[in-house]
Each structure stands twice: as structure tokens, then as C-alpha cells.
PDB file of N, CA and C in Angstrom:
ATOM      1  N   UNK A   1     -26.178  20.075 -32.389  1.00  0.00           N
ATOM      2  CA  UNK A   1     -26.424  19.843 -30.971  1.00  0.00           C
ATOM      3  C   UNK A   1     -26.641  18.362 -30.690  1.00  0.00           C
ATOM      4  N   UNK A   2     -27.400  17.702 -31.578  1.00  0.00           N
ATOM      5  CA  UNK A   2     -27.652  16.271 -31.385  1.00  0.00           C
ATOM      6  C   UNK A   2     -26.370  15.459 -31.487  1.00  0.00           C
ATOM      7  N   UNK A   3     -25.475  15.840 -32.403  1.00  0.00           N
ATOM      8  CA  UNK A   3     -24.208  15.124 -32.548  1.00  0.00           C
ATOM      9  C   UNK A   3     -23.364  15.248 -31.276  1.00  0.00           C
ATOM     10  N   UNK A   4     -23.348  16.425 -30.699  1.00  0.00           N
ATOM     11  CA  UNK A   4     -22.598  16.643 -29.467  1.00  0.00           C
ATOM     12  C   UNK A   4     -23.153  15.781 -28.344  1.00  0.00           C
ATOM     13  N   UNK A   5     -24.454  15.698 -28.260  1.00  0.00           N
ATOM     14  CA  UNK A   5     -25.093  14.873 -27.238  1.00  0.00           C
ATOM     15  C   UNK A   5     -24.769  13.397 -27.448  1.00  0.00           C
ATOM     16  N   UNK A   6     -24.781  12.938 -28.690  1.00  0.00           N
ATOM     17  CA  UNK A   6     -24.464  11.538 -28.994  1.00  0.00           C
ATOM     18  C   UNK A   6     -23.007  11.237 -28.643  1.00  0.00           C
ATOM     19  N   UNK A   7     -22.101  12.124 -29.011  1.00  0.00           N
ATOM     20  CA  UNK A   7     -20.679  11.923 -28.697  1.00  0.00           C
ATOM     21  C   UNK A   7     -20.463  11.912 -27.185  1.00  0.00           C
ATOM     22  N   UNK A   8     -21.128  12.813 -26.483  1.00  0.00           N
ATOM     23  CA  UNK A   8     -20.991  12.851 -25.020  1.00  0.00           C
ATOM     24  C   UNK A   8     -21.514  11.570 -24.396  1.00  0.00           C
ATOM     25  N   UNK A   9     -22.610  11.049 -24.899  1.00  0.00           N
ATOM     26  CA  UNK A   9     -23.147   9.786 -24.371  1.00  0.00           C
ATOM     27  C   UNK A   9     -22.210   8.622 -24.646  1.00  0.00           C
ATOM     28  N   UNK A  10     -21.634   8.578 -25.843  1.00  0.00           N
ATOM     29  CA  UNK A  10     -20.689   7.499 -26.172  1.00  0.00           C
ATOM     30  C   UNK A  10     -19.455   7.553 -25.280  1.00  0.00           C
ATOM     31  N   UNK A  11     -18.932   8.744 -25.054  1.00  0.00           N
ATOM     32  CA  UNK A  11     -17.769   8.895 -24.168  1.00  0.00           C
ATOM     33  C   UNK A  11     -18.123   8.436 -22.761  1.00  0.00           C
ATOM     34  N   UNK A  12     -19.299   8.791 -22.282  1.00  0.00           N
ATOM     35  CA  UNK A  12     -19.725   8.379 -20.940  1.00  0.00           C
ATOM     36  C   UNK A  12     -19.860   6.867 -20.840  1.00  0.00           C
ATOM     37  N   UNK A  13     -20.394   6.225 -21.883  1.00  0.00           N
ATOM     38  CA  UNK A  13     -20.545   4.766 -21.875  1.00  0.00           C
ATOM     39  C   UNK A  13     -19.190   4.082 -21.873  1.00  0.00           C
ATOM     40  N   UNK A  14     -18.266   4.553 -22.702  1.00  0.00           N
ATOM     41  CA  UNK A  14     -16.925   3.961 -22.752  1.00  0.00           C
ATOM     42  C   UNK A  14     -16.211   4.154 -21.422  1.00  0.00           C
ATOM     43  N   UNK A  15     -16.304   5.343 -20.838  1.00  0.00           N
ATOM     44  CA  UNK A  15     -15.649   5.610 -19.550  1.00  0.00           C
ATOM     45  C   UNK A  15     -16.254   4.751 -18.449  1.00  0.00           C
ATOM     46  N   UNK A  16     -17.562   4.629 -18.433  1.00  0.00           N
ATOM     47  CA  UNK A  16     -18.220   3.823 -17.401  1.00  0.00           C
ATOM     48  C   UNK A  16     -17.872   2.351 -17.564  1.00  0.00           C
ATOM     49  N   UNK A  17     -17.764   1.883 -18.809  1.00  0.00           N
ATOM     50  CA  UNK A  17     -17.444   0.479 -19.054  1.00  0.00           C
ATOM     51  C   UNK A  17     -16.035   0.138 -18.568  1.00  0.00           C
ATOM     52  N   UNK A  18     -15.107   1.092 -18.649  1.00  0.00           N
ATOM     53  CA  UNK A  18     -13.740   0.816 -18.208  1.00  0.00           C
ATOM     54  C   UNK A  18     -13.668   0.605 -16.695  1.00  0.00           C
ATOM     55  N   UNK A  19     -14.604   1.164 -15.936  1.00  0.00           N
ATOM     56  CA  UNK A  19     -14.630   0.975 -14.493  1.00  0.00           C
ATOM     57  C   UNK A  19     -15.220  -0.373 -14.107  1.00  0.00           C
ATOM     58  N   UNK A  20     -15.919  -1.020 -15.002  1.00  0.00           N
ATOM     59  CA  UNK A  20     -16.550  -2.307 -14.723  1.00  0.00           C
ATOM     60  C   UNK A  20     -15.603  -3.473 -14.926  1.00  0.00           C
ATOM     61  N   UNK A  21     -14.478  -3.245 -15.588  1.00  0.00           N
ATOM     62  CA  UNK A  21     -13.537  -4.318 -15.865  1.00  0.00           C
ATOM     63  C   UNK A  21     -12.923  -4.805 -14.561  1.00  0.00           C
ATOM     64  N   UNK A  22     -13.138  -6.071 -14.230  1.00  0.00           N
ATOM     65  CA  UNK A  22     -12.575  -6.566 -12.967  1.00  0.00           C
ATOM     66  C   UNK A  22     -11.057  -6.698 -13.055  1.00  0.00           C
ATOM     67  N   UNK A  23     -10.410  -6.488 -11.935  1.00  0.00           N
ATOM     68  CA  UNK A  23      -8.959  -6.651 -11.840  1.00  0.00           C
ATOM     69  C   UNK A  23      -8.700  -8.035 -11.271  1.00  0.00           C
ATOM     70  N   UNK A  24      -7.982  -8.876 -11.999  1.00  0.00           N
ATOM     71  CA  UNK A  24      -7.771 -10.241 -11.518  1.00  0.00           C
ATOM     72  C   UNK A  24      -6.817 -10.302 -10.325  1.00  0.00           C
ATOM     73  N   UNK A  25      -7.071 -11.242  -9.441  1.00  0.00           N
ATOM     74  CA  UNK A  25      -6.172 -11.541  -8.334  1.00  0.00           C
ATOM     75  C   UNK A  25      -5.234 -12.646  -8.821  1.00  0.00           C
ATOM     76  N   UNK A  26      -3.952 -12.343  -8.927  1.00  0.00           N
ATOM     77  CA  UNK A  26      -2.982 -13.306  -9.443  1.00  0.00           C
ATOM     78  C   UNK A  26      -2.448 -14.224  -8.359  1.00  0.00           C
ATOM     79  N   UNK A  27      -2.408 -13.727  -7.135  1.00  0.00           N
ATOM     80  CA  UNK A  27      -1.863 -14.501  -6.021  1.00  0.00           C
ATOM     81  C   UNK A  27      -2.585 -14.104  -4.753  1.00  0.00           C
ATOM     82  N   UNK A  28      -2.919 -15.082  -3.925  1.00  0.00           N
ATOM     83  CA  UNK A  28      -3.554 -14.817  -2.633  1.00  0.00           C
ATOM     84  C   UNK A  28      -3.218 -15.980  -1.712  1.00  0.00           C
ATOM     85  N   UNK A  29      -2.122 -15.849  -0.988  1.00  0.00           N
ATOM     86  CA  UNK A  29      -1.659 -16.896  -0.069  1.00  0.00           C
ATOM     87  C   UNK A  29      -1.788 -16.395   1.361  1.00  0.00           C
ATOM     88  N   UNK A  30      -2.390 -17.220   2.219  1.00  0.00           N
ATOM     89  CA  UNK A  30      -2.574 -16.849   3.628  1.00  0.00           C
ATOM     90  C   UNK A  30      -2.296 -18.060   4.501  1.00  0.00           C
ATOM     91  N   UNK A  31      -1.605 -17.829   5.619  1.00  0.00           N
ATOM     92  CA  UNK A  31      -1.373 -18.885   6.595  1.00  0.00           C
ATOM     93  C   UNK A  31      -1.582 -18.321   7.988  1.00  0.00           C
ATOM     94  N   UNK A  32      -1.954 -19.190   8.904  1.00  0.00           N
ATOM     95  CA  UNK A  32      -2.089 -18.817  10.312  1.00  0.00           C
ATOM     96  C   UNK A  32      -1.992 -20.097  11.125  1.00  0.00           C
ATOM     97  N   UNK A  33      -1.312 -20.007  12.256  1.00  0.00           N
ATOM     98  CA  UNK A  33      -1.226 -21.185  13.111  1.00  0.00           C
ATOM     99  C   UNK A  33      -1.862 -20.899  14.471  1.00  0.00           C
ATOM    100  N   UNK A  34      -1.880 -21.901  15.299  1.00  0.00           N
ATOM    101  CA  UNK A  34      -2.533 -21.798  16.609  1.00  0.00           C
ATOM    102  C   UNK A  34      -1.791 -20.876  17.569  1.00  0.00           C
ATOM    103  N   UNK A  35      -0.564 -20.506  17.257  1.00  0.00           N
ATOM    104  CA  UNK A  35       0.228 -19.655  18.136  1.00  0.00           C
ATOM    105  C   UNK A  35       0.099 -18.175  17.783  1.00  0.00           C
ATOM    106  N   UNK A  36      -0.755 -17.844  16.828  1.00  0.00           N
ATOM    107  CA  UNK A  36      -0.959 -16.452  16.450  1.00  0.00           C
ATOM    108  C   UNK A  36      -0.001 -15.945  15.395  1.00  0.00           C
ATOM    109  N   UNK A  37       0.826 -16.822  14.844  1.00  0.00           N
ATOM    110  CA  UNK A  37       1.719 -16.414  13.763  1.00  0.00           C
ATOM    111  C   UNK A  37       0.938 -16.458  12.446  1.00  0.00           C
ATOM    112  N   UNK A  38       1.200 -15.503  11.580  1.00  0.00           N
ATOM    113  CA  UNK A  38       0.474 -15.453  10.318  1.00  0.00           C
ATOM    114  C   UNK A  38       1.348 -14.882   9.219  1.00  0.00           C
ATOM    115  N   UNK A  39       0.982 -15.169   7.999  1.00  0.00           N
ATOM    116  CA  UNK A  39       1.572 -14.548   6.815  1.00  0.00           C
ATOM    117  C   UNK A  39       0.465 -14.366   5.789  1.00  0.00           C
ATOM    118  N   UNK A  40       0.605 -13.366   4.977  1.00  0.00           N
ATOM    119  CA  UNK A  40      -0.244 -13.276   3.797  1.00  0.00           C
ATOM    120  C   UNK A  40       0.496 -12.525   2.707  1.00  0.00           C
ATOM    121  N   UNK A  41       0.110 -12.831   1.486  1.00  0.00           N
ATOM    122  CA  UNK A  41       0.725 -12.216   0.324  1.00  0.00           C
ATOM    123  C   UNK A  41      -0.297 -12.230  -0.805  1.00  0.00           C
ATOM    124  N   UNK A  42      -0.469 -11.104  -1.467  1.00  0.00           N
ATOM    125  CA  UNK A  42      -1.324 -11.103  -2.643  1.00  0.00           C
ATOM    126  C   UNK A  42      -0.752 -10.192  -3.715  1.00  0.00           C
ATOM    127  N   UNK A  43      -1.200 -10.447  -4.940  1.00  0.00           N
ATOM    128  CA  UNK A  43      -0.778  -9.657  -6.092  1.00  0.00           C
ATOM    129  C   UNK A  43      -1.964  -9.556  -7.043  1.00  0.00           C
ATOM    130  N   UNK A  44      -2.169  -8.366  -7.587  1.00  0.00           N
ATOM    131  CA  UNK A  44      -3.285  -8.155  -8.501  1.00  0.00           C
ATOM    132  C   UNK A  44      -2.787  -7.953  -9.930  1.00  0.00           C
ATOM    133  N   UNK A  45      -3.706  -8.043 -10.875  1.00  0.00           N
ATOM    134  CA  UNK A  45      -3.369  -7.898 -12.280  1.00  0.00           C
ATOM    135  C   UNK A  45      -2.969  -6.497 -12.681  1.00  0.00           C
ATOM    136  N   UNK A  46      -3.220  -5.514 -11.841  1.00  0.00           N
ATOM    137  CA  UNK A  46      -2.814  -4.142 -12.163  1.00  0.00           C
ATOM    138  C   UNK A  46      -1.526  -3.729 -11.440  1.00  0.00           C
ATOM    139  N   UNK A  47      -0.769  -4.698 -10.940  1.00  0.00           N
ATOM    140  CA  UNK A  47       0.555  -4.415 -10.392  1.00  0.00           C
ATOM    141  C   UNK A  47       0.621  -4.100  -8.911  1.00  0.00           C
ATOM    142  N   UNK A  48      -0.461  -4.271  -8.179  1.00  0.00           N
ATOM    143  CA  UNK A  48      -0.439  -4.036  -6.738  1.00  0.00           C
ATOM    144  C   UNK A  48      -0.020  -5.326  -6.050  1.00  0.00           C
ATOM    145  N   UNK A  49       0.929  -5.233  -5.128  1.00  0.00           N
ATOM    146  CA  UNK A  49       1.306  -6.410  -4.337  1.00  0.00           C
ATOM    147  C   UNK A  49       1.417  -6.012  -2.874  1.00  0.00           C
ATOM    148  N   UNK A  50       1.155  -6.972  -1.992  1.00  0.00           N
ATOM    149  CA  UNK A  50       1.149  -6.716  -0.542  1.00  0.00           C
ATOM    150  C   UNK A  50       1.575  -7.981   0.163  1.00  0.00           C
ATOM    151  N   UNK A  51       2.388  -7.845   1.205  1.00  0.00           N
ATOM    152  CA  UNK A  51       2.783  -8.997   2.019  1.00  0.00           C
ATOM    153  C   UNK A  51       2.931  -8.560   3.464  1.00  0.00           C
ATOM    154  N   UNK A  52       2.746  -9.514   4.352  1.00  0.00           N
ATOM    155  CA  UNK A  52       2.894  -9.230   5.781  1.00  0.00           C
ATOM    156  C   UNK A  52       3.100 -10.543   6.523  1.00  0.00           C
ATOM    157  N   UNK A  53       3.882 -10.472   7.576  1.00  0.00           N
ATOM    158  CA  UNK A  53       4.085 -11.600   8.486  1.00  0.00           C
ATOM    159  C   UNK A  53       4.049 -11.045   9.902  1.00  0.00           C
ATOM    160  N   UNK A  54       3.503 -11.806  10.824  1.00  0.00           N
ATOM    161  CA  UNK A  54       3.421 -11.316  12.186  1.00  0.00           C
ATOM    162  C   UNK A  54       3.283 -12.433  13.189  1.00  0.00           C
ATOM    163  N   UNK A  55       3.434 -12.050  14.452  1.00  0.00           N
ATOM    164  CA  UNK A  55       3.314 -13.018  15.541  1.00  0.00           C
ATOM    165  C   UNK A  55       2.986 -12.289  16.831  1.00  0.00           C
ATOM    166  N   UNK A  56       2.544 -13.042  17.813  1.00  0.00           N
ATOM    167  CA  UNK A  56       2.305 -12.530  19.152  1.00  0.00           C
ATOM    168  C   UNK A  56       3.544 -12.842  19.988  1.00  0.00           C
ATOM    169  N   UNK A  57       4.208 -11.820  20.473  1.00  0.00           N
ATOM    170  CA  UNK A  57       5.395 -12.007  21.313  1.00  0.00           C
ATOM    171  C   UNK A  57       5.457 -10.814  22.260  1.00  0.00           C
ATOM    172  N   UNK A  58       4.819 -10.917  23.427  1.00  0.00           N
ATOM    173  CA  UNK A  58       4.703  -9.770  24.331  1.00  0.00           C
ATOM    174  C   UNK A  58       4.098  -8.583  23.597  1.00  0.00           C
ATOM    175  N   UNK A  59       3.095  -8.849  22.802  1.00  0.00           N
ATOM    176  CA  UNK A  59       2.448  -7.849  21.956  1.00  0.00           C
ATOM    177  C   UNK A  59       2.560  -8.274  20.505  1.00  0.00           C
ATOM    178  N   UNK A  60       1.872  -7.590  19.658  1.00  0.00           N
ATOM    179  CA  UNK A  60       1.887  -7.927  18.236  1.00  0.00           C
ATOM    180  C   UNK A  60       3.150  -7.392  17.586  1.00  0.00           C
ATOM    181  N   UNK A  61       3.807  -8.226  16.779  1.00  0.00           N
ATOM    182  CA  UNK A  61       4.941  -7.814  15.959  1.00  0.00           C
ATOM    183  C   UNK A  61       4.616  -8.163  14.519  1.00  0.00           C
ATOM    184  N   UNK A  62       4.796  -7.214  13.626  1.00  0.00           N
ATOM    185  CA  UNK A  62       4.495  -7.431  12.216  1.00  0.00           C
ATOM    186  C   UNK A  62       5.548  -6.772  11.356  1.00  0.00           C
ATOM    187  N   UNK A  63       5.689  -7.286  10.146  1.00  0.00           N
ATOM    188  CA  UNK A  63       6.535  -6.647   9.143  1.00  0.00           C
ATOM    189  C   UNK A  63       5.977  -7.005   7.776  1.00  0.00           C
ATOM    190  N   UNK A  64       6.260  -6.167   6.822  1.00  0.00           N
ATOM    191  CA  UNK A  64       5.770  -6.441   5.476  1.00  0.00           C
ATOM    192  C   UNK A  64       5.958  -5.250   4.580  1.00  0.00           C
ATOM    193  N   UNK A  65       5.117  -5.179   3.562  1.00  0.00           N
ATOM    194  CA  UNK A  65       5.219  -4.075   2.636  1.00  0.00           C
ATOM    195  C   UNK A  65       4.226  -4.197   1.507  1.00  0.00           C
ATOM    196  N   UNK A  66       4.251  -3.204   0.634  1.00  0.00           N
ATOM    197  CA  UNK A  66       3.430  -3.245  -0.558  1.00  0.00           C
ATOM    198  C   UNK A  66       4.076  -2.416  -1.633  1.00  0.00           C
ATOM    199  N   UNK A  67       3.635  -2.633  -2.857  1.00  0.00           N
ATOM    200  CA  UNK A  67       4.129  -1.849  -3.986  1.00  0.00           C
ATOM    201  C   UNK A  67       3.004  -1.667  -4.998  1.00  0.00           C
ATOM    202  N   UNK A  68       3.073  -0.559  -5.699  1.00  0.00           N
ATOM    203  CA  UNK A  68       2.097  -0.227  -6.726  1.00  0.00           C
ATOM    204  C   UNK A  68       2.660   0.923  -7.554  1.00  0.00           C
ATOM    205  N   UNK A  69       1.969   1.297  -8.611  1.00  0.00           N
ATOM    206  CA  UNK A  69       2.351   2.448  -9.415  1.00  0.00           C
ATOM    207  C   UNK A  69       1.320   3.548  -9.171  1.00  0.00           C
ATOM    208  N   UNK A  70       1.798   4.743  -8.802  1.00  0.00           N
ATOM    209  CA  UNK A  70       0.862   5.829  -8.494  1.00  0.00           C
ATOM    210  C   UNK A  70       0.250   6.385  -9.781  1.00  0.00           C
ATOM    211  N   UNK A  71      -0.763   7.251  -9.674  1.00  0.00           N
ATOM    212  CA  UNK A  71      -1.436   7.769 -10.869  1.00  0.00           C
ATOM    213  C   UNK A  71      -0.525   8.521 -11.843  1.00  0.00           C
ATOM    214  N   UNK A  72       0.615   9.027 -11.367  1.00  0.00           N
ATOM    215  CA  UNK A  72       1.563   9.707 -12.258  1.00  0.00           C
ATOM    216  C   UNK A  72       2.545   8.744 -12.907  1.00  0.00           C
ATOM    217  N   UNK A  73       2.419   7.434 -12.618  1.00  0.00           N
ATOM    218  CA  UNK A  73       3.299   6.436 -13.211  1.00  0.00           C
ATOM    219  C   UNK A  73       4.560   6.147 -12.422  1.00  0.00           C
ATOM    220  N   UNK A  74       4.648   6.659 -11.213  1.00  0.00           N
ATOM    221  CA  UNK A  74       5.841   6.465 -10.376  1.00  0.00           C
ATOM    222  C   UNK A  74       5.678   5.183  -9.553  1.00  0.00           C
ATOM    223  N   UNK A  75       6.656   4.262  -9.636  1.00  0.00           N
ATOM    224  CA  UNK A  75       6.569   3.054  -8.804  1.00  0.00           C
ATOM    225  C   UNK A  75       6.737   3.417  -7.325  1.00  0.00           C
ATOM    226  N   UNK A  76       5.873   2.888  -6.494  1.00  0.00           N
ATOM    227  CA  UNK A  76       5.907   3.128  -5.053  1.00  0.00           C
ATOM    228  C   UNK A  76       6.172   1.796  -4.362  1.00  0.00           C
ATOM    229  N   UNK A  77       7.131   1.781  -3.460  1.00  0.00           N
ATOM    230  CA  UNK A  77       7.426   0.595  -2.657  1.00  0.00           C
ATOM    231  C   UNK A  77       7.581   1.038  -1.209  1.00  0.00           C
ATOM    232  N   UNK A  78       6.906   0.347  -0.320  1.00  0.00           N
ATOM    233  CA  UNK A  78       6.960   0.682   1.092  1.00  0.00           C
ATOM    234  C   UNK A  78       7.139  -0.606   1.885  1.00  0.00           C
ATOM    235  N   UNK A  79       8.047  -0.578   2.843  1.00  0.00           N
ATOM    236  CA  UNK A  79       8.191  -1.672   3.795  1.00  0.00           C
ATOM    237  C   UNK A  79       7.938  -1.115   5.185  1.00  0.00           C
ATOM    238  N   UNK A  80       7.631  -1.998   6.127  1.00  0.00           N
ATOM    239  CA  UNK A  80       7.354  -1.517   7.471  1.00  0.00           C
ATOM    240  C   UNK A  80       7.650  -2.601   8.490  1.00  0.00           C
ATOM    241  N   UNK A  81       7.868  -2.141   9.710  1.00  0.00           N
ATOM    242  CA  UNK A  81       7.869  -3.003  10.883  1.00  0.00           C
ATOM    243  C   UNK A  81       6.911  -2.360  11.876  1.00  0.00           C
ATOM    244  N   UNK A  82       6.318  -3.192  12.702  1.00  0.00           N
ATOM    245  CA  UNK A  82       5.400  -2.685  13.721  1.00  0.00           C
ATOM    246  C   UNK A  82       5.549  -3.563  14.948  1.00  0.00           C
ATOM    247  N   UNK A  83       5.707  -2.932  16.088  1.00  0.00           N
ATOM    248  CA  UNK A  83       5.879  -3.678  17.327  1.00  0.00           C
ATOM    249  C   UNK A  83       6.087  -2.726  18.478  1.00  0.00           C
ATOM    250  N   UNK A  84       7.034  -3.065  19.346  1.00  0.00           N
ATOM    251  CA  UNK A  84       7.255  -2.258  20.545  1.00  0.00           C
ATOM    252  C   UNK A  84       7.706  -0.837  20.219  1.00  0.00           C
ATOM    253  N   UNK A  85       8.307  -0.630  19.060  1.00  0.00           N
ATOM    254  CA  UNK A  85       8.741   0.713  18.654  1.00  0.00           C
ATOM    255  C   UNK A  85       7.700   1.432  17.814  1.00  0.00           C
ATOM    256  N   UNK A  86       6.491   0.882  17.743  1.00  0.00           N
ATOM    257  CA  UNK A  86       5.439   1.498  16.945  1.00  0.00           C
ATOM    258  C   UNK A  86       5.518   1.075  15.495  1.00  0.00           C
ATOM    259  N   UNK A  87       4.819   1.800  14.660  1.00  0.00           N
ATOM    260  CA  UNK A  87       4.785   1.549  13.216  1.00  0.00           C
ATOM    261  C   UNK A  87       5.920   2.328  12.571  1.00  0.00           C
ATOM    262  N   UNK A  88       6.812   1.634  11.855  1.00  0.00           N
ATOM    263  CA  UNK A  88       7.972   2.278  11.253  1.00  0.00           C
ATOM    264  C   UNK A  88       7.974   1.991   9.747  1.00  0.00           C
ATOM    265  N   UNK A  89       7.443   2.925   8.947  1.00  0.00           N
ATOM    266  CA  UNK A  89       7.445   2.739   7.498  1.00  0.00           C
ATOM    267  C   UNK A  89       8.755   3.208   6.879  1.00  0.00           C
ATOM    268  N   UNK A  90       9.144   2.588   5.771  1.00  0.00           N
ATOM    269  CA  UNK A  90      10.340   2.976   5.036  1.00  0.00           C
ATOM    270  C   UNK A  90       9.994   2.982   3.553  1.00  0.00           C
ATOM    271  N   UNK A  91      10.276   4.089   2.893  1.00  0.00           N
ATOM    272  CA  UNK A  91      10.029   4.185   1.453  1.00  0.00           C
ATOM    273  C   UNK A  91      10.629   5.468   0.912  1.00  0.00           C
ATOM    274  N   UNK A  92      11.135   5.396  -0.311  1.00  0.00           N
ATOM    275  CA  UNK A  92      11.755   6.577  -0.913  1.00  0.00           C
ATOM    276  C   UNK A  92      10.765   7.718  -1.127  1.00  0.00           C
ATOM    277  N   UNK A  93       9.481   7.414  -1.198  1.00  0.00           N
ATOM    278  CA  UNK A  93       8.469   8.436  -1.455  1.00  0.00           C
ATOM    279  C   UNK A  93       8.009   9.147  -0.186  1.00  0.00           C
ATOM    280  N   UNK A  94       8.404   8.677   0.972  1.00  0.00           N
ATOM    281  CA  UNK A  94       7.962   9.280   2.235  1.00  0.00           C
ATOM    282  C   UNK A  94       8.759  10.540   2.546  1.00  0.00           C
ATOM    283  N   UNK A  95       8.105  11.554   3.102  1.00  0.00           N
ATOM    284  CA  UNK A  95       8.839  12.769   3.470  1.00  0.00           C
ATOM    285  C   UNK A  95       9.765  12.499   4.654  1.00  0.00           C
ATOM    286  N   UNK A  96      10.847  13.218   4.703  1.00  0.00           N
ATOM    287  CA  UNK A  96      11.787  13.098   5.826  1.00  0.00           C
ATOM    288  C   UNK A  96      12.046  14.490   6.396  1.00  0.00           C
ATOM    289  N   UNK A  97      12.265  14.567   7.700  1.00  0.00           N
ATOM    290  CA  UNK A  97      12.553  15.882   8.281  1.00  0.00           C
ATOM    291  C   UNK A  97      13.970  16.314   7.926  1.00  0.00           C
ATOM    292  N   UNK A  98      14.222  17.588   7.935  1.00  0.00           N
ATOM    293  CA  UNK A  98      15.591  18.058   7.704  1.00  0.00           C
ATOM    294  C   UNK A  98      16.511  17.544   8.810  1.00  0.00           C
ATOM    295  N   UNK A  99      17.708  17.168   8.452  1.00  0.00           N
ATOM    296  CA  UNK A  99      18.628  16.601   9.448  1.00  0.00           C
ATOM    297  C   UNK A  99      19.275  17.667  10.321  1.00  0.00           C
ATOM    298  N   UNK A 100      19.293  18.914   9.865  1.00  0.00           N
ATOM    299  CA  UNK A 100      19.966  19.954  10.642  1.00  0.00           C
ATOM    300  C   UNK A 100      19.074  20.539  11.744  1.00  0.00           C
ATOM    301  N   UNK A 101      17.792  20.249  11.720  1.00  0.00           N
ATOM    302  CA  UNK A 101      16.877  20.801  12.707  1.00  0.00           C
ATOM    303  C   UNK A 101      16.351  19.658  13.578  1.00  0.00           C
ATOM    304  N   UNK A 102      16.625  19.672  14.876  1.00  0.00           N
ATOM    305  CA  UNK A 102      16.112  18.591  15.720  1.00  0.00           C
ATOM    306  C   UNK A 102      14.591  18.648  15.830  1.00  0.00           C
ATOM    307  N   UNK A 103      14.000  17.510  15.842  1.00  0.00           N
ATOM    308  CA  UNK A 103      12.555  17.446  16.004  1.00  0.00           C
ATOM    309  C   UNK A 103      12.190  17.763  17.444  1.00  0.00           C
ATOM    310  N   UNK A 104      11.031  18.333  17.692  1.00  0.00           N
ATOM    311  CA  UNK A 104      10.679  18.766  19.052  1.00  0.00           C
ATOM    312  C   UNK A 104      10.576  17.628  20.050  1.00  0.00           C
ATOM    313  N   UNK A 105      10.312  16.417  19.611  1.00  0.00           N
ATOM    314  CA  UNK A 105      10.165  15.324  20.563  1.00  0.00           C
ATOM    315  C   UNK A 105      11.460  14.561  20.815  1.00  0.00           C
ATOM    316  N   UNK A 106      12.539  14.956  20.145  1.00  0.00           N
ATOM    317  CA  UNK A 106      13.823  14.302  20.382  1.00  0.00           C
ATOM    318  C   UNK A 106      14.461  14.849  21.651  1.00  0.00           C
ATOM    319  N   UNK A 107      15.046  13.968  22.429  1.00  0.00           N
ATOM    320  CA  UNK A 107      15.748  14.412  23.640  1.00  0.00           C
ATOM    321  C   UNK A 107      17.187  14.777  23.278  1.00  0.00           C
ATOM    322  N   UNK A 108      17.680  15.825  23.839  1.00  0.00           N
ATOM    323  CA  UNK A 108      19.081  16.183  23.630  1.00  0.00           C
ATOM    324  C   UNK A 108      19.868  15.748  24.875  1.00  0.00           C
ATOM    325  N   UNK A 109      21.108  15.444  24.673  1.00  0.00           N
ATOM    326  CA  UNK A 109      21.961  14.965  25.782  1.00  0.00           C
ATOM    327  C   UNK A 109      22.799  16.091  26.353  1.00  0.00           C
ATOM    328  N   UNK A 110      22.282  17.305  26.417  1.00  0.00           N
ATOM    329  CA  UNK A 110      23.052  18.461  26.919  1.00  0.00           C
ATOM    330  C   UNK A 110      23.084  18.459  28.417  1.00  0.00           C
TER     331      UNK A 110
END
């Protein structure tokens, strides 16, 4: 019984220690000007990257994306635009509606 308790404590210490390891920031670039235009880009040591650029032009307009590896090991990449047409994400991992069935909010030209 004591051996089991010791092994369980050692496993808990090793697992807890792995969560304390900091993830380095490899890149962190940010710009902004007086006209409301901005960019930022960062990358971490565990493979996460993010970028965005935007401006004020009759409302906010932005575009960018990010990438990372999901817990199952699948690379995820997403890009987006945001502006007068709303937020429009694009990525192979995103669900898509069936093409043969019209969505309820689509207008038909009948």
C-alpha cells in the first residue's frame, strides 16, 4: 500500500511539474498608427501562431488568422476577414452545410 502511495505521489509531482514549464514567446510584433491601422503577429514555442491587420474605414475592417496543432495532433489553420459582411472564417476543419439543402436564411430568386 505504501509503495502505491509513493508511486502515485511521484506521478502527481511529475505531472504537476510539466504544467509549470513556461512556453516561450518566439515572436511578438505589434504596430499601430494614429489613423487606427494596426498589425500584430506572434508565435509561441509550442507552435501556436497568430496574426491580424486592421483599419478603420466606415467601420472596423480586419483580417488575419492563426494556426496550432490540436490535442489529437491535427494541424489547424484558420484565416478570417471581418468587416461589413461580418466575421468570415475559413478553415478545412470548420463544418460546412450540405450544398444540396438551402439554408433557411438564404433568399431564393423564385
